[in-house]
Amino acid sequence: APRVAFASLLDRGLVSAGTMLTDAKSRNRAMVRADGTLSLETAP
């Protein structure tokens, strides 16, 4: 399958900077940054 960078989701408007991501059980959270990286919002 063709390689897709996470940042390309932002380019296409599928994800926006500032969107909050979680794991399947909503225990860990991370915020999407404008450059396609994530900032962890929970420990560890």
PDB file of all heavy atoms in Angstrom:
ATOM      1  N   ALA A   1       0.837  -1.198   0.000  1.00  0.00           N
ATOM      2  CA  ALA A   1       0.000   0.000   0.000  1.00  0.00           C
ATOM      3  C   ALA A   1       0.874   1.251   0.000  1.00  0.00           C
ATOM      4  O   ALA A   1       1.959   1.269   0.598  1.00  0.00           O
ATOM      5  CB  ALA A   1      -0.903  -0.006   1.229  1.00  0.00           C
ATOM      6  N   PRO A   2       0.433   2.324  -0.662  1.00  0.00           N
ATOM      7  CA  PRO A   2       1.229   3.549  -0.706  1.00  0.00           C
ATOM      8  C   PRO A   2       1.415   4.143   0.692  1.00  0.00           C
ATOM      9  O   PRO A   2       0.514   4.091   1.529  1.00  0.00           O
ATOM     10  CB  PRO A   2       0.413   4.485  -1.606  1.00  0.00           C
ATOM     11  CG  PRO A   2      -0.979   3.934  -1.579  1.00  0.00           C
ATOM     12  CD  PRO A   2      -0.831   2.459  -1.411  1.00  0.00           C
ATOM     13  N   ARG A   3       2.605   4.694   0.911  1.00  0.00           N
ATOM     14  CA  ARG A   3       2.912   5.272   2.214  1.00  0.00           C
ATOM     15  C   ARG A   3       2.178   6.594   2.375  1.00  0.00           C
ATOM     16  O   ARG A   3       2.135   7.416   1.459  1.00  0.00           O
ATOM     17  CB  ARG A   3       4.423   5.486   2.350  1.00  0.00           C
ATOM     18  CG  ARG A   3       4.869   5.882   3.744  1.00  0.00           C
ATOM     19  CD  ARG A   3       6.390   5.954   3.817  1.00  0.00           C
ATOM     20  NE  ARG A   3       6.822   6.264   5.158  1.00  0.00           N
ATOM     21  CZ  ARG A   3       6.882   7.493   5.670  1.00  0.00           C
ATOM     22  NH1 ARG A   3       6.538   8.523   4.910  1.00  0.00           N
ATOM     23  NH2 ARG A   3       7.288   7.703   6.910  1.00  0.00           N
ATOM     24  N   VAL A   4       1.599   6.798   3.548  1.00  0.00           N
ATOM     25  CA  VAL A   4       0.867   8.030   3.851  1.00  0.00           C
ATOM     26  C   VAL A   4       1.431   8.633   5.132  1.00  0.00           C
ATOM     27  O   VAL A   4       1.503   7.950   6.167  1.00  0.00           O
ATOM     28  CB  VAL A   4      -0.648   7.758   4.021  1.00  0.00           C
ATOM     29  CG1 VAL A   4      -1.376   9.027   4.453  1.00  0.00           C
ATOM     30  CG2 VAL A   4      -1.244   7.215   2.735  1.00  0.00           C
ATOM     31  N   ALA A   5       1.833   9.872   5.065  1.00  0.00           N
ATOM     32  CA  ALA A   5       2.316  10.568   6.259  1.00  0.00           C
ATOM     33  C   ALA A   5       1.125  11.133   7.022  1.00  0.00           C
ATOM     34  O   ALA A   5       0.133  11.579   6.423  1.00  0.00           O
ATOM     35  CB  ALA A   5       3.274  11.687   5.870  1.00  0.00           C
ATOM     36  N   PHE A   6       1.215  11.140   8.355  1.00  0.00           N
ATOM     37  CA  PHE A   6       0.103  11.655   9.142  1.00  0.00           C
ATOM     38  C   PHE A   6      -0.184  13.117   8.801  1.00  0.00           C
ATOM     39  O   PHE A   6      -1.345  13.543   8.792  1.00  0.00           O
ATOM     40  CB  PHE A   6       0.422  11.508  10.633  1.00  0.00           C
ATOM     41  CG  PHE A   6      -0.673  12.012  11.529  1.00  0.00           C
ATOM     42  CD1 PHE A   6      -1.897  11.372  11.590  1.00  0.00           C
ATOM     43  CD2 PHE A   6      -0.487  13.154  12.295  1.00  0.00           C
ATOM     44  CE1 PHE A   6      -2.924  11.845  12.406  1.00  0.00           C
ATOM     45  CE2 PHE A   6      -1.492  13.640  13.115  1.00  0.00           C
ATOM     46  CZ  PHE A   6      -2.721  12.977  13.173  1.00  0.00           C
ATOM     47  N   ALA A   7       0.852  13.868   8.475  1.00  0.00           N
ATOM     48  CA  ALA A   7       0.657  15.280   8.146  1.00  0.00           C
ATOM     49  C   ALA A   7      -0.228  15.466   6.926  1.00  0.00           C
ATOM     50  O   ALA A   7      -0.899  16.501   6.786  1.00  0.00           O
ATOM     51  CB  ALA A   7       2.012  15.951   7.909  1.00  0.00           C
ATOM     52  N   SER A   8      -0.287  14.457   6.037  1.00  0.00           N
ATOM     53  CA  SER A   8      -1.125  14.588   4.841  1.00  0.00           C
ATOM     54  C   SER A   8      -2.608  14.606   5.195  1.00  0.00           C
ATOM     55  O   SER A   8      -3.431  15.100   4.423  1.00  0.00           O
ATOM     56  CB  SER A   8      -0.818  13.460   3.859  1.00  0.00           C
ATOM     57  OG  SER A   8      -1.181  12.199   4.404  1.00  0.00           O
ATOM     58  N   LEU A   9      -2.960  14.061   6.372  1.00  0.00           N
ATOM     59  CA  LEU A   9      -4.343  14.132   6.806  1.00  0.00           C
ATOM     60  C   LEU A   9      -4.729  15.575   7.129  1.00  0.00           C
ATOM     61  O   LEU A   9      -5.869  15.989   6.890  1.00  0.00           O
ATOM     62  CB  LEU A   9      -4.563  13.250   8.041  1.00  0.00           C
ATOM     63  CG  LEU A   9      -4.943  11.775   7.794  1.00  0.00           C
ATOM     64  CD1 LEU A   9      -3.852  11.059   7.002  1.00  0.00           C
ATOM     65  CD2 LEU A   9      -5.204  11.052   9.108  1.00  0.00           C
ATOM     66  N   LEU A  10      -3.773  16.328   7.656  1.00  0.00           N
ATOM     67  CA  LEU A  10      -4.015  17.747   7.904  1.00  0.00           C
ATOM     68  C   LEU A  10      -4.121  18.503   6.590  1.00  0.00           C
ATOM     69  O   LEU A  10      -4.979  19.385   6.434  1.00  0.00           O
ATOM     70  CB  LEU A  10      -2.908  18.347   8.777  1.00  0.00           C
ATOM     71  CG  LEU A  10      -2.993  18.068  10.284  1.00  0.00           C
ATOM     72  CD1 LEU A  10      -2.403  16.705  10.612  1.00  0.00           C
ATOM     73  CD2 LEU A  10      -2.256  19.149  11.075  1.00  0.00           C
ATOM     74  N   ASP A  11      -3.244  18.164   5.633  1.00  0.00           N
ATOM     75  CA  ASP A  11      -3.268  18.841   4.339  1.00  0.00           C
ATOM     76  C   ASP A  11      -4.619  18.690   3.654  1.00  0.00           C
ATOM     77  O   ASP A  11      -5.077  19.596   2.945  1.00  0.00           O
ATOM     78  CB  ASP A  11      -2.168  18.290   3.424  1.00  0.00           C
ATOM     79  CG  ASP A  11      -0.782  18.495   4.003  1.00  0.00           C
ATOM     80  OD1 ASP A  11      -0.615  19.397   4.850  1.00  0.00           O
ATOM     81  OD2 ASP A  11       0.140  17.744   3.603  1.00  0.00           O
ATOM     82  N   ARG A  12      -5.268  17.518   3.835  1.00  0.00           N
ATOM     83  CA  ARG A  12      -6.548  17.247   3.175  1.00  0.00           C
ATOM     84  C   ARG A  12      -7.744  17.668   4.030  1.00  0.00           C
ATOM     85  O   ARG A  12      -8.890  17.467   3.634  1.00  0.00           O
ATOM     86  CB  ARG A  12      -6.641  15.752   2.842  1.00  0.00           C
ATOM     87  CG  ARG A  12      -5.778  15.337   1.659  1.00  0.00           C
ATOM     88  CD  ARG A  12      -5.758  13.807   1.539  1.00  0.00           C
ATOM     89  NE  ARG A  12      -5.273  13.364   0.246  1.00  0.00           N
ATOM     90  CZ  ARG A  12      -3.999  13.298  -0.099  1.00  0.00           C
ATOM     91  NH1 ARG A  12      -3.067  13.712   0.769  1.00  0.00           N
ATOM     92  NH2 ARG A  12      -3.637  12.863  -1.294  1.00  0.00           N
ATOM     93  N   GLY A  13      -7.485  18.193   5.209  1.00  0.00           N
ATOM     94  CA  GLY A  13      -8.574  18.642   6.062  1.00  0.00           C
ATOM     95  C   GLY A  13      -9.304  17.533   6.783  1.00  0.00           C
ATOM     96  O   GLY A  13     -10.394  17.750   7.332  1.00  0.00           O
ATOM     97  N   LEU A  14      -8.733  16.328   6.802  1.00  0.00           N
ATOM     98  CA  LEU A  14      -9.358  15.217   7.505  1.00  0.00           C
ATOM     99  C   LEU A  14      -9.143  15.319   9.012  1.00  0.00           C
ATOM    100  O   LEU A  14      -9.911  14.745   9.800  1.00  0.00           O
ATOM    101  CB  LEU A  14      -8.809  13.888   6.969  1.00  0.00           C
ATOM    102  CG  LEU A  14      -9.089  13.598   5.492  1.00  0.00           C
ATOM    103  CD1 LEU A  14      -8.358  12.355   5.031  1.00  0.00           C
ATOM    104  CD2 LEU A  14     -10.597  13.449   5.263  1.00  0.00           C
ATOM    105  N   VAL A  15      -8.069  15.991   9.415  1.00  0.00           N
ATOM    106  CA  VAL A  15      -7.766  16.253  10.817  1.00  0.00           C
ATOM    107  C   VAL A  15      -7.322  17.712  10.910  1.00  0.00           C
ATOM    108  O   VAL A  15      -6.661  18.218   9.996  1.00  0.00           O
ATOM    109  CB  VAL A  15      -6.655  15.329  11.353  1.00  0.00           C
ATOM    110  CG1 VAL A  15      -6.286  15.690  12.787  1.00  0.00           C
ATOM    111  CG2 VAL A  15      -7.083  13.869  11.280  1.00  0.00           C
ATOM    112  N   SER A  16      -7.666  18.361  11.993  1.00  0.00           N
ATOM    113  CA  SER A  16      -7.270  19.758  12.185  1.00  0.00           C
ATOM    114  C   SER A  16      -6.297  19.877  13.350  1.00  0.00           C
ATOM    115  O   SER A  16      -6.357  19.080  14.306  1.00  0.00           O
ATOM    116  CB  SER A  16      -8.498  20.639  12.465  1.00  0.00           C
ATOM    117  OG  SER A  16      -9.435  20.545  11.419  1.00  0.00           O
ATOM    118  N   ALA A  17      -5.401  20.868  13.254  1.00  0.00           N
ATOM    119  CA  ALA A  17      -4.519  21.160  14.384  1.00  0.00           C
ATOM    120  C   ALA A  17      -5.378  21.498  15.593  1.00  0.00           C
ATOM    121  O   ALA A  17      -6.374  22.222  15.488  1.00  0.00           O
ATOM    122  CB  ALA A  17      -3.594  22.322  14.041  1.00  0.00           C
ATOM    123  N   GLY A  18      -5.008  20.944  16.726  1.00  0.00           N
ATOM    124  CA  GLY A  18      -5.778  21.157  17.953  1.00  0.00           C
ATOM    125  C   GLY A  18      -6.756  20.030  18.245  1.00  0.00           C
ATOM    126  O   GLY A  18      -7.323  19.971  19.341  1.00  0.00           O
ATOM    127  N   THR A  19      -6.970  19.117  17.258  1.00  0.00           N
ATOM    128  CA  THR A  19      -7.854  17.969  17.490  1.00  0.00           C
ATOM    129  C   THR A  19      -7.272  17.073  18.571  1.00  0.00           C
ATOM    130  O   THR A  19      -6.065  16.828  18.624  1.00  0.00           O
ATOM    131  CB  THR A  19      -8.044  17.160  16.198  1.00  0.00           C
ATOM    132  OG1 THR A  19      -8.663  17.996  15.215  1.00  0.00           O
ATOM    133  CG2 THR A  19      -8.912  15.927  16.436  1.00  0.00           C
ATOM    134  N   MET A  20      -8.124  16.554  19.427  1.00  0.00           N
ATOM    135  CA  MET A  20      -7.668  15.666  20.489  1.00  0.00           C
ATOM    136  C   MET A  20      -7.863  14.211  20.065  1.00  0.00           C
ATOM    137  O   MET A  20      -8.961  13.822  19.626  1.00  0.00           O
ATOM    138  CB  MET A  20      -8.449  15.926  21.775  1.00  0.00           C
ATOM    139  CG  MET A  20      -7.749  15.404  23.022  1.00  0.00           C
ATOM    140  SD  MET A  20      -6.169  16.243  23.355  1.00  0.00           S
ATOM    141  CE  MET A  20      -6.761  17.900  23.751  1.00  0.00           C
ATOM    142  N   LEU A  21      -6.803  13.419  20.161  1.00  0.00           N
ATOM    143  CA  LEU A  21      -6.852  11.985  19.892  1.00  0.00           C
ATOM    144  C   LEU A  21      -6.784  11.230  21.213  1.00  0.00           C
ATOM    145  O   LEU A  21      -6.198  11.718  22.183  1.00  0.00           O
ATOM    146  CB  LEU A  21      -5.690  11.553  19.001  1.00  0.00           C
ATOM    147  CG  LEU A  21      -5.520  12.277  17.659  1.00  0.00           C
ATOM    148  CD1 LEU A  21      -4.317  11.698  16.911  1.00  0.00           C
ATOM    149  CD2 LEU A  21      -6.780  12.179  16.816  1.00  0.00           C
ATOM    150  N   THR A  22      -7.381  10.046  21.240  1.00  0.00           N
ATOM    151  CA  THR A  22      -7.308   9.201  22.446  1.00  0.00           C
ATOM    152  C   THR A  22      -7.033   7.762  22.019  1.00  0.00           C
ATOM    153  O   THR A  22      -7.112   7.412  20.831  1.00  0.00           O
ATOM    154  CB  THR A  22      -8.634   9.227  23.233  1.00  0.00           C
ATOM    155  OG1 THR A  22      -9.628   8.490  22.506  1.00  0.00           O
ATOM    156  CG2 THR A  22      -9.113  10.649  23.476  1.00  0.00           C
ATOM    157  N   ASP A  23      -6.734   6.920  23.005  1.00  0.00           N
ATOM    158  CA  ASP A  23      -6.677   5.491  22.713  1.00  0.00           C
ATOM    159  C   ASP A  23      -8.102   4.952  22.689  1.00  0.00           C
ATOM    160  O   ASP A  23      -9.068   5.690  22.935  1.00  0.00           O
ATOM    161  CB  ASP A  23      -5.802   4.759  23.724  1.00  0.00           C
ATOM    162  CG  ASP A  23      -6.392   4.787  25.134  1.00  0.00           C
ATOM    163  OD1 ASP A  23      -7.273   5.624  25.384  1.00  0.00           O
ATOM    164  OD2 ASP A  23      -5.959   3.982  25.973  1.00  0.00           O
ATOM    165  N   ALA A  24      -8.266   3.676  22.408  1.00  0.00           N
ATOM    166  CA  ALA A  24      -9.603   3.101  22.241  1.00  0.00           C
ATOM    167  C   ALA A  24     -10.442   3.187  23.508  1.00  0.00           C
ATOM    168  O   ALA A  24     -11.679   3.219  23.439  1.00  0.00           O
ATOM    169  CB  ALA A  24      -9.488   1.644  21.783  1.00  0.00           C
ATOM    170  N   LYS A  25      -9.791   3.247  24.687  1.00  0.00           N
ATOM    171  CA  LYS A  25     -10.520   3.302  25.952  1.00  0.00           C
ATOM    172  C   LYS A  25     -10.514   4.698  26.560  1.00  0.00           C
ATOM    173  O   LYS A  25     -10.911   4.871  27.721  1.00  0.00           O
ATOM    174  CB  LYS A  25      -9.920   2.292  26.927  1.00  0.00           C
ATOM    175  CG  LYS A  25     -10.058   0.845  26.463  1.00  0.00           C
ATOM    176  CD  LYS A  25      -9.503  -0.137  27.482  1.00  0.00           C
ATOM    177  CE  LYS A  25      -9.692  -1.585  27.005  1.00  0.00           C
ATOM    178  NZ  LYS A  25      -9.159  -2.554  27.989  1.00  0.00           N
ATOM    179  N   SER A  26     -10.032   5.676  25.794  1.00  0.00           N
ATOM    180  CA  SER A  26     -10.022   7.089  26.222  1.00  0.00           C
ATOM    181  C   SER A  26      -9.222   7.316  27.497  1.00  0.00           C
ATOM    182  O   SER A  26      -9.545   8.200  28.300  1.00  0.00           O
ATOM    183  CB  SER A  26     -11.462   7.605  26.408  1.00  0.00           C
ATOM    184  OG  SER A  26     -12.182   7.527  25.200  1.00  0.00           O
ATOM    185  N   ARG A  27      -8.172   6.538  27.679  1.00  0.00           N
ATOM    186  CA  ARG A  27      -7.319   6.711  28.855  1.00  0.00           C
ATOM    187  C   ARG A  27      -6.183   7.693  28.589  1.00  0.00           C
ATOM    188  O   ARG A  27      -5.841   8.511  29.446  1.00  0.00           O
ATOM    189  CB  ARG A  27      -6.749   5.365  29.286  1.00  0.00           C
ATOM    190  CG  ARG A  27      -7.800   4.391  29.811  1.00  0.00           C
ATOM    191  CD  ARG A  27      -7.182   3.039  30.113  1.00  0.00           C
ATOM    192  NE  ARG A  27      -8.173   2.103  30.651  1.00  0.00           N
ATOM    193  CZ  ARG A  27      -7.937   0.813  30.873  1.00  0.00           C
ATOM    194  NH1 ARG A  27      -6.734   0.312  30.595  1.00  0.00           N
ATOM    195  NH2 ARG A  27      -8.880   0.037  31.356  1.00  0.00           N
ATOM    196  N   ASN A  28      -5.587   7.595  27.412  1.00  0.00           N
ATOM    197  CA  ASN A  28      -4.480   8.480  27.048  1.00  0.00           C
ATOM    198  C   ASN A  28      -4.952   9.452  25.966  1.00  0.00           C
ATOM    199  O   ASN A  28      -5.699   9.069  25.066  1.00  0.00           O
ATOM    200  CB  ASN A  28      -3.279   7.666  26.548  1.00  0.00           C
ATOM    201  CG  ASN A  28      -2.709   6.782  27.635  1.00  0.00           C
ATOM    202  OD1 ASN A  28      -2.518   7.236  28.768  1.00  0.00           O
ATOM    203  ND2 ASN A  28      -2.445   5.517  27.312  1.00  0.00           N
ATOM    204  N   ARG A  29      -4.468  10.707  26.067  1.00  0.00           N
ATOM    205  CA  ARG A  29      -4.880  11.739  25.107  1.00  0.00           C
ATOM    206  C   ARG A  29      -3.645  12.416  24.524  1.00  0.00           C
ATOM    207  O   ARG A  29      -2.591  12.512  25.162  1.00  0.00           O
ATOM    208  CB  ARG A  29      -5.770  12.778  25.782  1.00  0.00           C
ATOM    209  CG  ARG A  29      -7.104  12.240  26.256  1.00  0.00           C
ATOM    210  CD  ARG A  29      -7.970  13.370  26.785  1.00  0.00           C
ATOM    211  NE  ARG A  29      -7.306  14.078  27.880  1.00  0.00           N
ATOM    212  CZ  ARG A  29      -7.557  15.338  28.222  1.00  0.00           C
ATOM    213  NH1 ARG A  29      -8.438  16.052  27.514  1.00  0.00           N
ATOM    214  NH2 ARG A  29      -6.936  15.911  29.256  1.00  0.00           N
ATOM    215  N   ALA A  30      -3.810  12.880  23.279  1.00  0.00           N
ATOM    216  CA  ALA A  30      -2.740  13.631  22.617  1.00  0.00           C
ATOM    217  C   ALA A  30      -3.373  14.643  21.683  1.00  0.00           C
ATOM    218  O   ALA A  30      -4.386  14.353  21.028  1.00  0.00           O
ATOM    219  CB  ALA A  30      -1.811  12.698  21.849  1.00  0.00           C
ATOM    220  N   MET A  31      -2.764  15.824  21.612  1.00  0.00           N
ATOM    221  CA  MET A  31      -3.282  16.879  20.750  1.00  0.00           C
ATOM    222  C   MET A  31      -2.499  16.912  19.445  1.00  0.00           C
ATOM    223  O   MET A  31      -1.264  16.817  19.440  1.00  0.00           O
ATOM    224  CB  MET A  31      -3.172  18.234  21.444  1.00  0.00           C
ATOM    225  CG  MET A  31      -3.795  19.385  20.644  1.00  0.00           C
ATOM    226  SD  MET A  31      -3.542  20.989  21.438  1.00  0.00           S
ATOM    227  CE  MET A  31      -1.770  21.205  21.209  1.00  0.00           C
ATOM    228  N   VAL A  32      -3.218  17.053  18.336  1.00  0.00           N
ATOM    229  CA  VAL A  32      -2.583  17.152  17.025  1.00  0.00           C
ATOM    230  C   VAL A  32      -1.998  18.551  16.866  1.00  0.00           C
ATOM    231  O   VAL A  32      -2.697  19.559  17.056  1.00  0.00           O
ATOM    232  CB  VAL A  32      -3.601  16.865  15.900  1.00  0.00           C
ATOM    233  CG1 VAL A  32      -2.935  17.022  14.530  1.00  0.00           C
ATOM    234  CG2 VAL A  32      -4.201  15.474  16.054  1.00  0.00           C
ATOM    235  N   ARG A  33      -0.718  18.624  16.519  1.00  0.00           N
ATOM    236  CA  ARG A  33      -0.053  19.896  16.280  1.00  0.00           C
ATOM    237  C   ARG A  33      -0.062  20.223  14.789  1.00  0.00           C
ATOM    238  O   ARG A  33      -0.286  19.350  13.949  1.00  0.00           O
ATOM    239  CB  ARG A  33       1.394  19.836  16.800  1.00  0.00           C
ATOM    240  CG  ARG A  33       1.485  19.814  18.318  1.00  0.00           C
ATOM    241  CD  ARG A  33       2.832  19.312  18.825  1.00  0.00           C
ATOM    242  NE  ARG A  33       3.943  19.797  18.024  1.00  0.00           N
ATOM    243  CZ  ARG A  33       4.640  20.931  18.276  1.00  0.00           C
ATOM    244  NH1 ARG A  33       4.309  21.687  19.318  1.00  0.00           N
ATOM    245  NH2 ARG A  33       5.661  21.269  17.509  1.00  0.00           N
ATOM    246  N   ALA A  34       0.201  21.446  14.435  1.00  0.00           N
ATOM    247  CA  ALA A  34       0.115  21.906  13.050  1.00  0.00           C
ATOM    248  C   ALA A  34       1.109  21.210  12.139  1.00  0.00           C
ATOM    249  O   ALA A  34       0.882  21.108  10.924  1.00  0.00           O
ATOM    250  CB  ALA A  34       0.308  23.419  12.993  1.00  0.00           C
ATOM    251  N   ASP A  35       2.219  20.720  12.689  1.00  0.00           N
ATOM    252  CA  ASP A  35       3.232  20.068  11.857  1.00  0.00           C
ATOM    253  C   ASP A  35       3.024  18.562  11.727  1.00  0.00           C
ATOM    254  O   ASP A  35       3.837  17.857  11.144  1.00  0.00           O
ATOM    255  CB  ASP A  35       4.635  20.352  12.400  1.00  0.00           C
ATOM    256  CG  ASP A  35       4.836  19.836  13.828  1.00  0.00           C
ATOM    257  OD1 ASP A  35       3.878  19.259  14.399  1.00  0.00           O
ATOM    258  OD2 ASP A  35       5.948  20.001  14.369  1.00  0.00           O
ATOM    259  N   GLY A  36       1.922  18.039  12.284  1.00  0.00           N
ATOM    260  CA  GLY A  36       1.645  16.612  12.172  1.00  0.00           C
ATOM    261  C   GLY A  36       2.191  15.786  13.305  1.00  0.00           C
ATOM    262  O   GLY A  36       2.039  14.557  13.291  1.00  0.00           O
ATOM    263  N   THR A  37       2.815  16.390  14.291  1.00  0.00           N
ATOM    264  CA  THR A  37       3.253  15.663  15.474  1.00  0.00           C
ATOM    265  C   THR A  37       2.156  15.732  16.531  1.00  0.00           C
ATOM    266  O   THR A  37       1.177  16.470  16.393  1.00  0.00           O
ATOM    267  CB  THR A  37       4.562  16.241  16.035  1.00  0.00           C
ATOM    268  OG1 THR A  37       4.356  17.633  16.341  1.00  0.00           O
ATOM    269  CG2 THR A  37       5.697  16.097  15.031  1.00  0.00           C
ATOM    270  N   LEU A  38       2.335  14.954  17.595  1.00  0.00           N
ATOM    271  CA  LEU A  38       1.371  14.933  18.682  1.00  0.00           C
ATOM    272  C   LEU A  38       2.016  15.444  19.963  1.00  0.00           C
ATOM    273  O   LEU A  38       3.201  15.204  20.216  1.00  0.00           O
ATOM    274  CB  LEU A  38       0.838  13.513  18.930  1.00  0.00           C
ATOM    275  CG  LEU A  38       0.148  12.784  17.780  1.00  0.00           C
ATOM    276  CD1 LEU A  38      -0.425  11.456  18.281  1.00  0.00           C
ATOM    277  CD2 LEU A  38      -0.938  13.630  17.145  1.00  0.00           C
ATOM    278  N   SER A  39       1.220  16.143  20.787  1.00  0.00           N
ATOM    279  CA  SER A  39       1.646  16.574  22.113  1.00  0.00           C
ATOM    280  C   SER A  39       0.849  15.780  23.132  1.00  0.00           C
ATOM    281  O   SER A  39      -0.395  15.861  23.164  1.00  0.00           O
ATOM    282  CB  SER A  39       1.397  18.074  22.296  1.00  0.00           C
ATOM    283  OG  SER A  39       1.677  18.477  23.624  1.00  0.00           O
ATOM    284  N   LEU A  40       1.538  14.989  23.951  1.00  0.00           N
ATOM    285  CA  LEU A  40       0.852  14.144  24.921  1.00  0.00           C
ATOM    286  C   LEU A  40       0.218  14.997  26.013  1.00  0.00           C
ATOM    287  O   LEU A  40       0.858  15.871  26.594  1.00  0.00           O
ATOM    288  CB  LEU A  40       1.826  13.132  25.525  1.00  0.00           C
ATOM    289  CG  LEU A  40       2.211  11.976  24.580  1.00  0.00           C
ATOM    290  CD1 LEU A  40       3.424  11.230  25.088  1.00  0.00           C
ATOM    291  CD2 LEU A  40       1.031  11.023  24.417  1.00  0.00           C
ATOM    292  N   GLU A  41      -1.042  14.714  26.317  1.00  0.00           N
ATOM    293  CA  GLU A  41      -1.808  15.480  27.286  1.00  0.00           C
ATOM    294  C   GLU A  41      -2.029  14.726  28.590  1.00  0.00           C
ATOM    295  O   GLU A  41      -2.677  15.237  29.499  1.00  0.00           O
ATOM    296  CB  GLU A  41      -3.169  15.852  26.686  1.00  0.00           C
ATOM    297  CG  GLU A  41      -3.086  16.682  25.423  1.00  0.00           C
ATOM    298  CD  GLU A  41      -2.521  18.071  25.687  1.00  0.00           C
ATOM    299  OE1 GLU A  41      -3.046  18.756  26.584  1.00  0.00           O
ATOM    300  OE2 GLU A  41      -1.556  18.459  24.992  1.00  0.00           O
ATOM    301  N   THR A  42      -1.527  13.497  28.663  1.00  0.00           N
ATOM    302  CA  THR A  42      -1.664  12.682  29.871  1.00  0.00           C
ATOM    303  C   THR A  42      -0.328  12.017  30.175  1.00  0.00           C
ATOM    304  O   THR A  42       0.538  11.868  29.300  1.00  0.00           O
ATOM    305  CB  THR A  42      -2.737  11.592  29.699  1.00  0.00           C
ATOM    306  OG1 THR A  42      -2.475  10.852  28.501  1.00  0.00           O
ATOM    307  CG2 THR A  42      -4.134  12.190  29.604  1.00  0.00           C
ATOM    308  N   ALA A  43      -0.149  11.635  31.436  1.00  0.00           N
ATOM    309  CA  ALA A  43       1.049  10.899  31.842  1.00  0.00           C
ATOM    310  C   ALA A  43       0.836   9.414  31.535  1.00  0.00           C
ATOM    311  O   ALA A  43      -0.302   8.929  31.567  1.00  0.00           O
ATOM    312  CB  ALA A  43       1.313  11.115  33.329  1.00  0.00           C
ATOM    313  N   PRO A  44       1.910   8.663  31.255  1.00  0.00           N
ATOM    314  CA  PRO A  44       3.293   9.150  31.173  1.00  0.00           C
ATOM    315  C   PRO A  44       3.556   9.939  29.884  1.00  0.00           C
ATOM    316  O   PRO A  44       2.818   9.779  28.911  1.00  0.00           O
ATOM    317  CB  PRO A  44       4.116   7.864  31.205  1.00  0.00           C
ATOM    318  CG  PRO A  44       3.213   6.827  30.592  1.00  0.00           C
ATOM    319  CD  PRO A  44       1.811   7.207  31.026  1.00  0.00           C
TER     320      PRO A  44
END
